[in-house]
């Protein structure tokens, strides 16, 4: 939870500051990541303009396994559950294994 106080620090900056031993076989700090988005709509409004985020596909997993979770909200903005997805390295995991998770 202490890391939450430093959430504005880019992850890449943390890796650079720690300067861990590098290997092409795995990520330098950890292999599994949990990402939680408490503002899944993420809509921004400015005077005369509205921005809505669009989902993009990364193409390659940055970690061995990443669990993406987002708070789902009802039309009135009240909490309505959590949705999630997984991104994984296909050379390490079979689709059936990840589906079972």
N, C-alpha and C. Protein backbone atom coordinates (compact mmCIF):
# COMPACT_ATOMS: atom_id res chain seq x y z
N UNK A 1 0.81 -1.20 0.00
CA UNK A 1 0.00 0.00 0.00
C UNK A 1 0.85 1.27 0.00
N UNK A 2 2.07 1.19 0.46
CA UNK A 2 2.94 2.36 0.43
C UNK A 2 3.19 2.82 -1.01
N UNK A 3 3.20 1.88 -1.93
CA UNK A 3 3.43 2.23 -3.33
C UNK A 3 2.31 3.12 -3.87
N UNK A 4 1.12 3.00 -3.31
CA UNK A 4 -0.02 3.80 -3.78
C UNK A 4 0.25 5.29 -3.63
N UNK A 5 1.03 5.67 -2.62
CA UNK A 5 1.37 7.09 -2.41
C UNK A 5 2.27 7.62 -3.53
N UNK A 6 2.86 6.71 -4.30
CA UNK A 6 3.77 7.10 -5.38
C UNK A 6 3.24 6.64 -6.74
N UNK A 7 1.93 6.58 -6.87
CA UNK A 7 1.33 6.06 -8.10
C UNK A 7 1.62 6.93 -9.32
N UNK A 8 2.07 8.16 -9.10
CA UNK A 8 2.38 9.04 -10.23
C UNK A 8 3.75 8.76 -10.84
N UNK A 9 4.55 7.91 -10.19
CA UNK A 9 5.87 7.56 -10.70
C UNK A 9 5.71 6.52 -11.81
N UNK A 10 6.18 6.79 -13.02
CA UNK A 10 6.06 5.81 -14.10
C UNK A 10 6.83 4.54 -13.77
N UNK A 11 6.26 3.41 -14.13
CA UNK A 11 6.90 2.14 -13.84
C UNK A 11 8.30 2.06 -14.45
N UNK A 12 8.42 2.55 -15.68
CA UNK A 12 9.72 2.51 -16.36
C UNK A 12 10.76 3.32 -15.58
N UNK A 13 10.34 4.41 -14.94
CA UNK A 13 11.25 5.21 -14.11
C UNK A 13 11.71 4.45 -12.88
N UNK A 14 10.82 3.65 -12.30
CA UNK A 14 11.17 2.81 -11.15
C UNK A 14 12.21 1.77 -11.55
N UNK A 15 11.99 1.11 -12.67
CA UNK A 15 12.93 0.10 -13.15
C UNK A 15 14.30 0.74 -13.40
N UNK A 16 14.30 1.91 -14.01
CA UNK A 16 15.57 2.60 -14.28
C UNK A 16 16.30 2.94 -12.97
N UNK A 17 15.56 3.40 -11.96
CA UNK A 17 16.17 3.77 -10.68
C UNK A 17 16.72 2.55 -9.95
N UNK A 18 16.02 1.42 -10.01
CA UNK A 18 16.47 0.20 -9.32
C UNK A 18 17.59 -0.49 -10.08
N UNK A 19 17.60 -0.34 -11.40
CA UNK A 19 18.63 -0.93 -12.26
C UNK A 19 18.90 -2.40 -11.94
N UNK A 20 17.85 -3.25 -12.04
CA UNK A 20 18.03 -4.67 -11.72
C UNK A 20 18.84 -5.40 -12.80
N UNK A 21 19.33 -6.58 -12.45
CA UNK A 21 20.02 -7.43 -13.42
C UNK A 21 19.04 -7.78 -14.53
N UNK A 22 19.45 -7.62 -15.77
CA UNK A 22 18.56 -7.84 -16.91
C UNK A 22 18.72 -9.25 -17.47
N UNK A 23 17.60 -9.76 -18.00
CA UNK A 23 17.59 -11.05 -18.67
C UNK A 23 16.52 -11.00 -19.74
N UNK A 24 16.79 -11.59 -20.89
CA UNK A 24 15.78 -11.65 -21.94
C UNK A 24 14.71 -12.69 -21.61
N UNK A 25 14.95 -13.53 -20.61
CA UNK A 25 14.03 -14.61 -20.27
C UNK A 25 12.82 -14.14 -19.47
N UNK A 26 12.95 -13.01 -18.77
CA UNK A 26 11.83 -12.55 -17.94
C UNK A 26 11.96 -11.06 -17.64
N UNK A 27 10.88 -10.50 -17.12
CA UNK A 27 10.85 -9.09 -16.74
C UNK A 27 11.82 -8.86 -15.59
N UNK A 28 12.45 -7.70 -15.50
CA UNK A 28 13.50 -7.48 -14.50
C UNK A 28 13.03 -7.47 -13.05
N UNK A 29 11.77 -7.15 -12.76
CA UNK A 29 11.33 -7.06 -11.36
C UNK A 29 10.32 -8.13 -10.96
N UNK A 30 9.37 -8.41 -11.81
CA UNK A 30 8.34 -9.40 -11.49
C UNK A 30 7.74 -9.93 -12.77
N UNK A 31 7.04 -11.05 -12.67
CA UNK A 31 6.49 -11.68 -13.86
C UNK A 31 4.96 -11.63 -13.92
N UNK A 32 4.31 -11.30 -12.81
CA UNK A 32 2.85 -11.23 -12.77
C UNK A 32 2.45 -9.85 -12.27
N UNK A 33 1.49 -9.23 -12.94
CA UNK A 33 1.05 -7.89 -12.54
C UNK A 33 -0.47 -7.87 -12.42
N UNK A 34 -0.95 -7.17 -11.40
CA UNK A 34 -2.38 -6.91 -11.21
C UNK A 34 -2.60 -5.43 -11.46
N UNK A 35 -3.45 -5.10 -12.43
CA UNK A 35 -3.77 -3.71 -12.75
C UNK A 35 -5.24 -3.48 -12.46
N UNK A 36 -5.55 -2.51 -11.59
CA UNK A 36 -6.93 -2.21 -11.22
C UNK A 36 -7.27 -0.79 -11.63
N UNK A 37 -8.36 -0.63 -12.36
CA UNK A 37 -8.82 0.67 -12.82
C UNK A 37 -10.13 0.99 -12.10
N UNK A 38 -10.10 1.99 -11.23
CA UNK A 38 -11.31 2.36 -10.49
C UNK A 38 -12.14 3.41 -11.24
N UNK A 39 -11.68 3.83 -12.40
CA UNK A 39 -12.43 4.77 -13.23
C UNK A 39 -12.47 4.24 -14.66
N UNK A 40 -13.20 3.12 -14.88
CA UNK A 40 -13.16 2.47 -16.19
C UNK A 40 -13.71 3.31 -17.33
N UNK A 41 -14.62 4.20 -17.04
CA UNK A 41 -15.16 5.02 -18.13
C UNK A 41 -14.10 6.00 -18.61
N UNK A 42 -13.40 6.59 -17.68
CA UNK A 42 -12.28 7.45 -18.04
C UNK A 42 -12.61 8.61 -18.95
N UNK A 43 -13.86 9.01 -19.01
CA UNK A 43 -14.24 10.10 -19.90
C UNK A 43 -13.74 11.43 -19.35
N UNK A 44 -13.26 12.26 -20.22
CA UNK A 44 -12.81 13.60 -19.86
C UNK A 44 -13.64 14.62 -20.61
N UNK A 45 -14.01 15.69 -19.94
CA UNK A 45 -14.75 16.75 -20.60
C UNK A 45 -14.02 18.07 -20.43
N UNK A 46 -13.91 18.78 -21.51
CA UNK A 46 -13.31 20.10 -21.52
C UNK A 46 -14.32 21.04 -22.16
N UNK A 47 -14.11 22.33 -22.02
CA UNK A 47 -15.03 23.30 -22.63
C UNK A 47 -15.16 23.02 -24.12
N UNK A 48 -16.33 22.55 -24.52
CA UNK A 48 -16.59 22.32 -25.93
C UNK A 48 -16.04 21.03 -26.51
N UNK A 49 -15.42 20.19 -25.68
CA UNK A 49 -14.84 18.94 -26.20
C UNK A 49 -15.02 17.82 -25.18
N UNK A 50 -15.13 16.61 -25.68
CA UNK A 50 -15.24 15.43 -24.83
C UNK A 50 -14.30 14.37 -25.37
N UNK A 51 -13.51 13.76 -24.49
CA UNK A 51 -12.58 12.70 -24.89
C UNK A 51 -13.02 11.39 -24.26
N UNK A 52 -13.06 10.35 -25.06
CA UNK A 52 -13.42 9.02 -24.57
C UNK A 52 -12.30 8.06 -24.93
N UNK A 53 -11.74 7.34 -23.94
CA UNK A 53 -10.66 6.40 -24.25
C UNK A 53 -11.15 5.25 -25.13
N UNK A 54 -10.26 4.75 -25.95
CA UNK A 54 -10.55 3.62 -26.82
C UNK A 54 -9.66 2.45 -26.43
N UNK A 55 -10.21 1.26 -26.47
CA UNK A 55 -9.43 0.07 -26.15
C UNK A 55 -8.43 -0.20 -27.26
N UNK A 56 -7.22 -0.53 -26.87
CA UNK A 56 -6.19 -0.88 -27.85
C UNK A 56 -5.62 -2.24 -27.51
N UNK A 57 -5.10 -2.90 -28.50
CA UNK A 57 -4.45 -4.19 -28.32
C UNK A 57 -2.95 -3.98 -28.32
N UNK A 58 -2.27 -4.55 -27.36
CA UNK A 58 -0.83 -4.37 -27.23
C UNK A 58 -0.08 -5.22 -28.26
N UNK A 59 -0.56 -6.42 -28.52
CA UNK A 59 0.10 -7.29 -29.48
C UNK A 59 1.04 -8.29 -28.84
N UNK A 60 1.71 -7.90 -27.78
CA UNK A 60 2.61 -8.81 -27.07
C UNK A 60 2.51 -8.51 -25.58
N UNK A 61 2.51 -9.56 -24.78
CA UNK A 61 2.42 -9.39 -23.33
C UNK A 61 3.71 -8.80 -22.78
N UNK A 62 3.60 -7.78 -21.94
CA UNK A 62 4.78 -7.17 -21.32
C UNK A 62 5.25 -7.97 -20.11
N UNK A 63 4.35 -8.71 -19.49
CA UNK A 63 4.66 -9.56 -18.34
C UNK A 63 4.28 -10.99 -18.71
N UNK A 64 4.71 -11.94 -17.89
CA UNK A 64 4.29 -13.32 -18.13
C UNK A 64 2.76 -13.41 -18.05
N UNK A 65 2.19 -12.73 -17.04
CA UNK A 65 0.74 -12.74 -16.85
C UNK A 65 0.33 -11.40 -16.25
N UNK A 66 -0.66 -10.76 -16.85
CA UNK A 66 -1.22 -9.53 -16.29
C UNK A 66 -2.71 -9.72 -16.11
N UNK A 67 -3.19 -9.44 -14.90
CA UNK A 67 -4.62 -9.49 -14.59
C UNK A 67 -5.12 -8.05 -14.60
N UNK A 68 -6.04 -7.75 -15.52
CA UNK A 68 -6.62 -6.41 -15.64
C UNK A 68 -8.01 -6.45 -15.02
N UNK A 69 -8.25 -5.61 -14.02
CA UNK A 69 -9.57 -5.51 -13.39
C UNK A 69 -10.05 -4.07 -13.48
N UNK A 70 -11.36 -3.90 -13.64
CA UNK A 70 -11.94 -2.56 -13.69
C UNK A 70 -13.28 -2.57 -12.99
N UNK A 71 -13.53 -1.52 -12.23
CA UNK A 71 -14.82 -1.34 -11.60
C UNK A 71 -15.85 -1.07 -12.68
N UNK A 72 -16.95 -1.79 -12.61
CA UNK A 72 -18.04 -1.54 -13.55
C UNK A 72 -19.04 -0.62 -12.85
N UNK A 73 -19.57 0.34 -13.57
CA UNK A 73 -20.53 1.29 -13.01
C UNK A 73 -21.84 1.22 -13.79
N UNK A 74 -22.93 1.41 -13.05
CA UNK A 74 -24.24 1.48 -13.68
C UNK A 74 -24.44 2.82 -14.36
N UNK A 75 -25.56 2.98 -15.05
CA UNK A 75 -25.85 4.24 -15.75
C UNK A 75 -25.89 5.42 -14.80
N UNK A 76 -26.26 5.16 -13.54
CA UNK A 76 -26.32 6.24 -12.55
C UNK A 76 -24.98 6.48 -11.86
N UNK A 77 -23.94 5.73 -12.26
CA UNK A 77 -22.61 5.91 -11.67
C UNK A 77 -22.34 5.07 -10.45
N UNK A 78 -23.33 4.31 -10.00
CA UNK A 78 -23.13 3.48 -8.80
C UNK A 78 -22.35 2.21 -9.16
N UNK A 79 -21.59 1.66 -8.19
CA UNK A 79 -20.82 0.44 -8.45
C UNK A 79 -21.72 -0.70 -8.91
N UNK A 80 -21.26 -1.44 -9.91
CA UNK A 80 -22.06 -2.52 -10.48
C UNK A 80 -21.18 -3.74 -10.78
N UNK A 81 -20.19 -3.99 -9.92
CA UNK A 81 -19.34 -5.16 -10.08
C UNK A 81 -17.97 -4.84 -10.62
N UNK A 82 -17.25 -5.89 -10.94
CA UNK A 82 -15.89 -5.77 -11.47
C UNK A 82 -15.78 -6.66 -12.70
N UNK A 83 -15.16 -6.14 -13.74
CA UNK A 83 -14.89 -6.92 -14.95
C UNK A 83 -13.39 -7.10 -15.06
N UNK A 84 -12.98 -8.12 -15.78
CA UNK A 84 -11.55 -8.36 -15.88
C UNK A 84 -11.15 -9.06 -17.16
N UNK A 85 -9.86 -9.04 -17.41
CA UNK A 85 -9.28 -9.76 -18.53
C UNK A 85 -7.85 -10.14 -18.18
N UNK A 86 -7.29 -11.04 -18.95
CA UNK A 86 -5.92 -11.49 -18.74
C UNK A 86 -5.11 -11.29 -20.00
N UNK A 87 -3.88 -10.86 -19.84
CA UNK A 87 -2.91 -10.81 -20.93
C UNK A 87 -1.78 -11.74 -20.51
N UNK A 88 -1.33 -12.60 -21.41
CA UNK A 88 -0.34 -13.60 -21.02
C UNK A 88 0.58 -13.94 -22.18
N UNK A 89 1.73 -14.47 -21.81
CA UNK A 89 2.70 -14.92 -22.82
C UNK A 89 2.27 -16.29 -23.32
N UNK A 90 2.03 -16.36 -24.61
CA UNK A 90 1.56 -17.61 -25.19
C UNK A 90 2.63 -18.68 -25.25
N UNK A 91 3.90 -18.30 -25.09
CA UNK A 91 4.95 -19.32 -25.04
C UNK A 91 5.05 -19.96 -23.66
N UNK A 92 4.36 -19.39 -22.67
CA UNK A 92 4.38 -19.94 -21.31
C UNK A 92 3.07 -20.59 -20.90
N UNK A 93 1.95 -20.06 -21.41
CA UNK A 93 0.63 -20.53 -20.99
C UNK A 93 -0.19 -20.99 -22.18
N UNK A 94 -0.92 -22.07 -21.98
CA UNK A 94 -1.90 -22.53 -22.96
C UNK A 94 -3.18 -21.74 -22.73
N UNK A 95 -3.95 -21.50 -23.78
CA UNK A 95 -5.20 -20.75 -23.65
C UNK A 95 -6.15 -21.42 -22.66
N UNK A 96 -6.22 -22.75 -22.67
CA UNK A 96 -7.10 -23.47 -21.74
C UNK A 96 -6.72 -23.20 -20.29
N UNK A 97 -5.42 -23.12 -20.01
CA UNK A 97 -4.96 -22.84 -18.65
C UNK A 97 -5.40 -21.46 -18.20
N UNK A 98 -5.22 -20.47 -19.06
CA UNK A 98 -5.60 -19.10 -18.73
C UNK A 98 -7.12 -18.98 -18.62
N UNK A 99 -7.85 -19.65 -19.48
CA UNK A 99 -9.31 -19.64 -19.41
C UNK A 99 -9.78 -20.20 -18.07
N UNK A 100 -9.11 -21.23 -17.58
CA UNK A 100 -9.47 -21.83 -16.29
C UNK A 100 -9.23 -20.89 -15.12
N UNK A 101 -8.30 -19.94 -15.29
CA UNK A 101 -8.05 -18.98 -14.21
C UNK A 101 -9.27 -18.11 -13.99
